[in-house]
PDB file of all heavy atoms in Angstrom:
ATOM      1  N   MET A   1      73.948 134.421  79.566  1.00  0.00           N
ATOM      2  CA  MET A   1      73.182 135.746  79.322  1.00  0.00           C
ATOM      3  C   MET A   1      74.084 136.962  79.967  1.00  0.00           C
ATOM      4  O   MET A   1      74.320 137.992  79.463  1.00  0.00           O
ATOM      5  CB  MET A   1      71.794 135.820  79.767  1.00  0.00           C
ATOM      6  CG  MET A   1      70.859 134.973  78.837  1.00  0.00           C
ATOM      7  SD  MET A   1      69.223 135.147  79.562  1.00  0.00           S
ATOM      8  CE  MET A   1      68.767 133.396  79.800  1.00  0.00           C
ATOM      9  N   ILE A   2      74.422 136.720  81.256  1.00  0.00           N
ATOM     10  CA  ILE A   2      75.196 137.671  82.009  1.00  0.00           C
ATOM     11  C   ILE A   2      76.535 137.855  81.298  1.00  0.00           C
ATOM     12  O   ILE A   2      76.855 139.022  81.144  1.00  0.00           O
ATOM     13  CB  ILE A   2      75.392 137.231  83.554  1.00  0.00           C
ATOM     14  CG1 ILE A   2      74.167 137.269  84.158  1.00  0.00           C
ATOM     15  CG2 ILE A   2      76.465 137.987  84.241  1.00  0.00           C
ATOM     16  CD1 ILE A   2      74.093 136.457  85.592  1.00  0.00           C
ATOM     17  N   PHE A   3      77.163 136.896  80.891  1.00  0.00           N
ATOM     18  CA  PHE A   3      78.547 136.959  80.144  1.00  0.00           C
ATOM     19  C   PHE A   3      78.314 137.860  78.874  1.00  0.00           C
ATOM     20  O   PHE A   3      79.094 138.745  78.638  1.00  0.00           O
ATOM     21  CB  PHE A   3      78.989 135.594  79.721  1.00  0.00           C
ATOM     22  CG  PHE A   3      80.229 135.628  78.954  1.00  0.00           C
ATOM     23  CD1 PHE A   3      81.440 135.881  79.465  1.00  0.00           C
ATOM     24  CD2 PHE A   3      80.165 135.513  77.455  1.00  0.00           C
ATOM     25  CE1 PHE A   3      82.575 135.877  78.674  1.00  0.00           C
ATOM     26  CE2 PHE A   3      81.266 135.618  76.727  1.00  0.00           C
ATOM     27  CZ  PHE A   3      82.506 135.865  77.366  1.00  0.00           C
ATOM     28  N   SER A   4      77.198 137.593  78.214  1.00  0.00           N
ATOM     29  CA  SER A   4      76.929 138.316  76.939  1.00  0.00           C
ATOM     30  C   SER A   4      76.751 139.810  77.209  1.00  0.00           C
ATOM     31  O   SER A   4      77.320 140.624  76.489  1.00  0.00           O
ATOM     32  CB  SER A   4      75.620 137.832  76.160  1.00  0.00           C
ATOM     33  OG  SER A   4      75.913 136.457  75.806  1.00  0.00           O
ATOM     34  N   VAL A   5      75.881 140.234  78.158  1.00  0.00           N
ATOM     35  CA  VAL A   5      75.639 141.518  78.587  1.00  0.00           C
ATOM     36  C   VAL A   5      77.010 142.093  79.021  1.00  0.00           C
ATOM     37  O   VAL A   5      77.348 143.311  78.647  1.00  0.00           O
ATOM     38  CB  VAL A   5      74.654 141.678  79.767  1.00  0.00           C
ATOM     39  CG1 VAL A   5      74.612 143.006  80.332  1.00  0.00           C
ATOM     40  CG2 VAL A   5      73.362 141.219  79.221  1.00  0.00           C
ATOM     41  N   CYS A   6      77.819 141.509  79.752  1.00  0.00           N
ATOM     42  CA  CYS A   6      79.137 142.070  80.240  1.00  0.00           C
ATOM     43  C   CYS A   6      80.174 142.416  79.191  1.00  0.00           C
ATOM     44  O   CYS A   6      80.811 143.245  79.304  1.00  0.00           O
ATOM     45  CB  CYS A   6      79.758 141.174  81.358  1.00  0.00           C
ATOM     46  SG  CYS A   6      78.818 141.085  82.810  1.00  0.00           S
ATOM     47  N   ILE A   7      79.976 141.635  78.068  1.00  0.00           N
ATOM     48  CA  ILE A   7      80.999 141.911  76.962  1.00  0.00           C
ATOM     49  C   ILE A   7      80.479 142.936  75.894  1.00  0.00           C
ATOM     50  O   ILE A   7      81.260 143.373  75.083  1.00  0.00           O
ATOM     51  CB  ILE A   7      81.558 140.691  76.299  1.00  0.00           C
ATOM     52  CG1 ILE A   7      80.447 139.879  75.588  1.00  0.00           C
ATOM     53  CG2 ILE A   7      82.246 139.700  77.295  1.00  0.00           C
ATOM     54  CD1 ILE A   7      80.945 138.742  74.799  1.00  0.00           C
ATOM     55  N   ILE A   8      79.238 143.297  75.950  1.00  0.00           N
ATOM     56  CA  ILE A   8      78.665 144.248  75.027  1.00  0.00           C
ATOM     57  C   ILE A   8      79.560 145.477  74.946  1.00  0.00           C
ATOM     58  O   ILE A   8      79.817 146.061  73.977  1.00  0.00           O
ATOM     59  CB  ILE A   8      77.258 144.571  75.318  1.00  0.00           C
ATOM     60  CG1 ILE A   8      76.302 143.338  74.826  1.00  0.00           C
ATOM     61  CG2 ILE A   8      76.825 145.799  74.576  1.00  0.00           C
ATOM     62  CD1 ILE A   8      74.851 143.374  75.245  1.00  0.00           C
ATOM     63  N   PRO A   9      79.891 146.131  76.279  1.00  0.00           N
ATOM     64  CA  PRO A   9      80.678 147.356  76.079  1.00  0.00           C
ATOM     65  C   PRO A   9      82.113 147.264  75.501  1.00  0.00           C
ATOM     66  O   PRO A   9      82.793 148.218  75.373  1.00  0.00           O
ATOM     67  CB  PRO A   9      80.764 147.749  77.684  1.00  0.00           C
ATOM     68  CG  PRO A   9      79.573 147.161  78.320  1.00  0.00           C
ATOM     69  CD  PRO A   9      79.475 145.805  77.537  1.00  0.00           C
ATOM     70  N   LEU A  10      82.463 145.930  75.227  1.00  0.00           N
ATOM     71  CA  LEU A  10      83.772 145.781  74.572  1.00  0.00           C
ATOM     72  C   LEU A  10      83.661 146.181  73.079  1.00  0.00           C
ATOM     73  O   LEU A  10      84.632 146.181  72.290  1.00  0.00           O
ATOM     74  CB  LEU A  10      84.380 144.460  74.807  1.00  0.00           C
ATOM     75  CG  LEU A  10      84.813 144.020  76.184  1.00  0.00           C
ATOM     76  CD1 LEU A  10      85.170 142.612  76.328  1.00  0.00           C
ATOM     77  CD2 LEU A  10      85.863 145.009  76.684  1.00  0.00           C
ATOM     78  N   GLY A  11      82.535 146.341  72.535  1.00  0.00           N
ATOM     79  CA  GLY A  11      82.223 146.831  71.218  1.00  0.00           C
ATOM     80  C   GLY A  11      82.874 145.912  70.219  1.00  0.00           C
ATOM     81  O   GLY A  11      82.526 144.638  70.174  1.00  0.00           O
ATOM     82  N   PHE A  12      83.631 146.465  69.344  1.00  0.00           N
ATOM     83  CA  PHE A  12      84.230 145.642  68.267  1.00  0.00           C
ATOM     84  C   PHE A  12      85.108 144.490  68.870  1.00  0.00           C
ATOM     85  O   PHE A  12      85.251 143.515  68.243  1.00  0.00           O
ATOM     86  CB  PHE A  12      85.121 146.584  67.365  1.00  0.00           C
ATOM     87  CG  PHE A  12      85.880 145.611  66.292  1.00  0.00           C
ATOM     88  CD1 PHE A  12      85.287 145.103  65.251  1.00  0.00           C
ATOM     89  CD2 PHE A  12      87.275 145.433  66.581  1.00  0.00           C
ATOM     90  CE1 PHE A  12      85.937 144.374  64.383  1.00  0.00           C
ATOM     91  CE2 PHE A  12      87.981 144.724  65.712  1.00  0.00           C
ATOM     92  CZ  PHE A  12      87.322 144.182  64.555  1.00  0.00           C
ATOM     93  N   GLY A  13      85.658 144.741  70.085  1.00  0.00           N
ATOM     94  CA  GLY A  13      86.494 143.757  70.733  1.00  0.00           C
ATOM     95  C   GLY A  13      85.733 142.576  70.991  1.00  0.00           C
ATOM     96  O   GLY A  13      86.317 141.422  71.157  1.00  0.00           O
ATOM     97  N   ALA A  14      84.389 142.619  71.149  1.00  0.00           N
ATOM     98  CA  ALA A  14      83.563 141.439  71.483  1.00  0.00           C
ATOM     99  C   ALA A  14      82.825 141.019  70.097  1.00  0.00           C
ATOM    100  O   ALA A  14      81.880 140.229  70.030  1.00  0.00           O
ATOM    101  CB  ALA A  14      82.537 141.765  72.420  1.00  0.00           C
ATOM    102  N   GLY A  15      83.229 141.735  68.921  1.00  0.00           N
ATOM    103  CA  GLY A  15      82.569 141.372  67.633  1.00  0.00           C
ATOM    104  C   GLY A  15      81.255 142.005  67.403  1.00  0.00           C
ATOM    105  O   GLY A  15      80.477 141.385  66.752  1.00  0.00           O
ATOM    106  N   MET A  16      80.842 142.975  68.203  1.00  0.00           N
ATOM    107  CA  MET A  16      79.601 143.589  68.036  1.00  0.00           C
ATOM    108  C   MET A  16      78.995 143.423  66.740  1.00  0.00           C
ATOM    109  O   MET A  16      79.790 143.848  65.687  1.00  0.00           O
ATOM    110  CB  MET A  16      79.688 144.987  68.577  1.00  0.00           C
ATOM    111  CG  MET A  16      78.406 145.721  68.807  1.00  0.00           C
ATOM    112  SD  MET A  16      77.526 144.741  70.027  1.00  0.00           S
ATOM    113  CE  MET A  16      77.258 145.885  71.317  1.00  0.00           C
ATOM    114  N   PRO A  17      77.770 142.979  66.615  1.00  0.00           N
ATOM    115  CA  PRO A  17      76.806 142.744  67.525  1.00  0.00           C
ATOM    116  C   PRO A  17      76.712 141.323  67.970  1.00  0.00           C
ATOM    117  O   PRO A  17      75.665 140.846  68.442  1.00  0.00           O
ATOM    118  CB  PRO A  17      75.441 143.085  66.593  1.00  0.00           C
ATOM    119  CG  PRO A  17      75.869 142.609  65.346  1.00  0.00           C
ATOM    120  CD  PRO A  17      77.328 142.951  65.239  1.00  0.00           C
ATOM    121  N   VAL A  18      77.859 140.509  67.923  1.00  0.00           N
ATOM    122  CA  VAL A  18      77.898 139.218  68.464  1.00  0.00           C
ATOM    123  C   VAL A  18      77.259 138.991  69.807  1.00  0.00           C
ATOM    124  O   VAL A  18      76.308 138.192  70.041  1.00  0.00           O
ATOM    125  CB  VAL A  18      79.291 138.506  68.304  1.00  0.00           C
ATOM    126  CG1 VAL A  18      79.313 137.201  68.980  1.00  0.00           C
ATOM    127  CG2 VAL A  18      79.687 138.293  66.806  1.00  0.00           C
ATOM    128  N   PRO A  19      77.678 139.804  70.767  1.00  0.00           N
ATOM    129  CA  PRO A  19      77.127 139.590  72.174  1.00  0.00           C
ATOM    130  C   PRO A  19      75.644 139.842  72.217  1.00  0.00           C
ATOM    131  O   PRO A  19      74.912 139.170  72.933  1.00  0.00           O
ATOM    132  CB  PRO A  19      77.838 140.553  73.119  1.00  0.00           C
ATOM    133  CG  PRO A  19      78.702 141.520  72.125  1.00  0.00           C
ATOM    134  CD  PRO A  19      78.697 140.814  70.748  1.00  0.00           C
ATOM    135  N   VAL A  20      75.115 140.684  71.440  1.00  0.00           N
ATOM    136  CA  VAL A  20      73.641 141.007  71.374  1.00  0.00           C
ATOM    137  C   VAL A  20      72.950 139.764  70.819  1.00  0.00           C
ATOM    138  O   VAL A  20      71.914 139.279  71.323  1.00  0.00           O
ATOM    139  CB  VAL A  20      73.346 142.226  70.662  1.00  0.00           C
ATOM    140  CG1 VAL A  20      71.818 142.501  70.568  1.00  0.00           C
ATOM    141  CG2 VAL A  20      73.883 143.388  71.344  1.00  0.00           C
ATOM    142  N   LEU A  21      73.503 139.167  69.789  1.00  0.00           N
ATOM    143  CA  LEU A  21      72.863 138.007  69.123  1.00  0.00           C
ATOM    144  C   LEU A  21      73.064 136.812  70.029  1.00  0.00           C
ATOM    145  O   LEU A  21      72.062 135.958  70.094  1.00  0.00           O
ATOM    146  CB  LEU A  21      73.660 137.722  67.793  1.00  0.00           C
ATOM    147  CG  LEU A  21      73.453 138.814  66.648  1.00  0.00           C
ATOM    148  CD1 LEU A  21      74.360 138.423  65.557  1.00  0.00           C
ATOM    149  CD2 LEU A  21      71.959 138.878  66.181  1.00  0.00           C
ATOM    150  N   MET A  22      74.130 136.727  70.778  1.00  0.00           N
ATOM    151  CA  MET A  22      74.267 135.604  71.782  1.00  0.00           C
ATOM    152  C   MET A  22      73.214 135.785  72.815  1.00  0.00           C
ATOM    153  O   MET A  22      72.552 134.770  73.231  1.00  0.00           O
ATOM    154  CB  MET A  22      75.604 135.711  72.474  1.00  0.00           C
ATOM    155  CG  MET A  22      76.757 135.195  71.554  1.00  0.00           C
ATOM    156  SD  MET A  22      78.330 135.397  72.409  1.00  0.00           S
ATOM    157  CE  MET A  22      78.249 134.677  73.878  1.00  0.00           C
ATOM    158  N   LEU A  23      73.031 137.029  73.278  1.00  0.00           N
ATOM    159  CA  LEU A  23      72.027 137.288  74.365  1.00  0.00           C
ATOM    160  C   LEU A  23      70.720 136.827  73.929  1.00  0.00           C
ATOM    161  O   LEU A  23      69.876 136.118  74.508  1.00  0.00           O
ATOM    162  CB  LEU A  23      72.056 138.804  74.810  1.00  0.00           C
ATOM    163  CG  LEU A  23      71.053 139.151  75.796  1.00  0.00           C
ATOM    164  CD1 LEU A  23      71.200 138.365  77.093  1.00  0.00           C
ATOM    165  CD2 LEU A  23      71.153 140.681  76.092  1.00  0.00           C
ATOM    166  N   LEU A  24      70.340 137.237  72.646  1.00  0.00           N
ATOM    167  CA  LEU A  24      68.941 136.973  72.042  1.00  0.00           C
ATOM    168  C   LEU A  24      68.767 135.423  72.040  1.00  0.00           C
ATOM    169  O   LEU A  24      67.760 134.890  72.346  1.00  0.00           O
ATOM    170  CB  LEU A  24      68.750 137.454  70.770  1.00  0.00           C
ATOM    171  CG  LEU A  24      68.591 139.070  70.794  1.00  0.00           C
ATOM    172  CD1 LEU A  24      68.607 139.651  69.273  1.00  0.00           C
ATOM    173  CD2 LEU A  24      67.335 139.519  71.442  1.00  0.00           C
ATOM    174  N   SER A  25      69.906 134.813  71.575  1.00  0.00           N
ATOM    175  CA  SER A  25      69.803 133.324  71.309  1.00  0.00           C
ATOM    176  C   SER A  25      69.620 132.582  72.697  1.00  0.00           C
ATOM    177  O   SER A  25      68.809 131.644  72.828  1.00  0.00           O
ATOM    178  CB  SER A  25      71.116 132.794  70.608  1.00  0.00           C
ATOM    179  OG  SER A  25      71.365 133.366  69.501  1.00  0.00           O
ATOM    180  N   LEU A  26      70.393 133.072  73.644  1.00  0.00           N
ATOM    181  CA  LEU A  26      70.207 132.456  75.009  1.00  0.00           C
ATOM    182  C   LEU A  26      68.798 132.638  75.708  1.00  0.00           C
ATOM    183  O   LEU A  26      68.300 131.783  76.325  1.00  0.00           O
ATOM    184  CB  LEU A  26      71.422 132.845  75.913  1.00  0.00           C
ATOM    185  CG  LEU A  26      72.763 132.450  75.433  1.00  0.00           C
ATOM    186  CD1 LEU A  26      73.926 133.151  76.209  1.00  0.00           C
ATOM    187  CD2 LEU A  26      72.975 130.910  75.652  1.00  0.00           C
ATOM    188  N   VAL A  27      68.323 133.825  75.412  1.00  0.00           N
ATOM    189  CA  VAL A  27      66.964 134.084  75.905  1.00  0.00           C
ATOM    190  C   VAL A  27      66.020 133.193  75.161  1.00  0.00           C
ATOM    191  O   VAL A  27      65.008 132.703  75.830  1.00  0.00           O
ATOM    192  CB  VAL A  27      66.614 135.651  75.670  1.00  0.00           C
ATOM    193  CG1 VAL A  27      65.131 135.909  75.813  1.00  0.00           C
ATOM    194  CG2 VAL A  27      67.328 136.487  76.580  1.00  0.00           C
ATOM    195  N   VAL A  28      66.083 132.997  73.960  1.00  0.00           N
ATOM    196  CA  VAL A  28      65.259 132.108  73.164  1.00  0.00           C
ATOM    197  C   VAL A  28      65.282 130.660  73.835  1.00  0.00           C
ATOM    198  O   VAL A  28      64.200 129.991  74.019  1.00  0.00           O
ATOM    199  CB  VAL A  28      65.580 132.060  71.698  1.00  0.00           C
ATOM    200  CG1 VAL A  28      64.959 130.877  70.941  1.00  0.00           C
ATOM    201  CG2 VAL A  28      65.220 133.409  71.035  1.00  0.00           C
ATOM    202  N   LEU A  29      66.567 130.196  74.031  1.00  0.00           N
ATOM    203  CA  LEU A  29      66.638 128.891  74.662  1.00  0.00           C
ATOM    204  C   LEU A  29      66.032 128.874  76.017  1.00  0.00           C
ATOM    205  O   LEU A  29      65.299 127.828  76.404  1.00  0.00           O
ATOM    206  CB  LEU A  29      68.170 128.486  74.809  1.00  0.00           C
ATOM    207  CG  LEU A  29      68.894 127.978  73.531  1.00  0.00           C
ATOM    208  CD1 LEU A  29      70.349 127.782  74.006  1.00  0.00           C
ATOM    209  CD2 LEU A  29      68.256 126.887  72.952  1.00  0.00           C
ATOM    210  N   TYR A  30      66.142 129.873  76.917  1.00  0.00           N
ATOM    211  CA  TYR A  30      65.697 129.910  78.147  1.00  0.00           C
ATOM    212  C   TYR A  30      63.981 129.883  78.089  1.00  0.00           C
ATOM    213  O   TYR A  30      63.439 129.159  78.786  1.00  0.00           O
ATOM    214  CB  TYR A  30      66.014 131.162  78.878  1.00  0.00           C
ATOM    215  CG  TYR A  30      65.740 131.301  80.357  1.00  0.00           C
ATOM    216  CD1 TYR A  30      66.536 130.642  81.287  1.00  0.00           C
ATOM    217  CD2 TYR A  30      64.589 131.689  80.726  1.00  0.00           C
ATOM    218  CE1 TYR A  30      66.258 130.788  82.653  1.00  0.00           C
ATOM    219  CE2 TYR A  30      64.252 131.857  82.084  1.00  0.00           C
ATOM    220  CZ  TYR A  30      65.016 131.294  83.080  1.00  0.00           C
ATOM    221  OH  TYR A  30      64.758 131.161  84.400  1.00  0.00           O
ATOM    222  N   ARG A  31      63.519 130.647  77.198  1.00  0.00           N
ATOM    223  CA  ARG A  31      62.123 130.742  77.027  1.00  0.00           C
ATOM    224  C   ARG A  31      61.446 129.510  76.401  1.00  0.00           C
ATOM    225  O   ARG A  31      60.424 129.184  76.713  1.00  0.00           O
ATOM    226  CB  ARG A  31      61.737 131.894  76.183  1.00  0.00           C
ATOM    227  CG  ARG A  31      62.104 133.263  76.990  1.00  0.00           C
ATOM    228  CD  ARG A  31      61.558 134.435  76.351  1.00  0.00           C
ATOM    229  NE  ARG A  31      60.159 134.465  76.796  1.00  0.00           N
ATOM    230  CZ  ARG A  31      59.329 135.332  76.295  1.00  0.00           C
ATOM    231  NH1 ARG A  31      59.737 136.324  75.532  1.00  0.00           N
ATOM    232  NH2 ARG A  31      58.010 135.417  76.638  1.00  0.00           N
ATOM    233  N   LYS A  32      62.302 128.809  75.670  1.00  0.00           N
ATOM    234  CA  LYS A  32      61.802 127.533  75.048  1.00  0.00           C
ATOM    235  C   LYS A  32      61.278 126.561  76.176  1.00  0.00           C
ATOM    236  O   LYS A  32      60.199 125.983  76.090  1.00  0.00           O
ATOM    237  CB  LYS A  32      62.708 126.808  74.062  1.00  0.00           C
ATOM    238  CG  LYS A  32      62.887 127.691  72.784  1.00  0.00           C
ATOM    239  CD  LYS A  32      61.954 127.255  71.746  1.00  0.00           C
ATOM    240  CE  LYS A  32      62.268 127.962  70.523  1.00  0.00           C
ATOM    241  NZ  LYS A  32      61.284 127.690  69.363  1.00  0.00           N
ATOM    242  N   GLY A  33      62.245 126.394  77.084  1.00  0.00           N
ATOM    243  CA  GLY A  33      62.006 125.490  78.295  1.00  0.00           C
ATOM    244  C   GLY A  33      61.377 124.245  78.027  1.00  0.00           C
ATOM    245  O   GLY A  33      60.592 123.757  78.864  1.00  0.00           O
TER     246      GLY A  33
END
């Protein structure tokens, strides 16, 4: 999640919105528990 947040400001260089989708996915996994 931290990695995903950190690459968001890279915009297109991070494939935006890929890092946001990654963050959401990892939050889903965390919450599933």
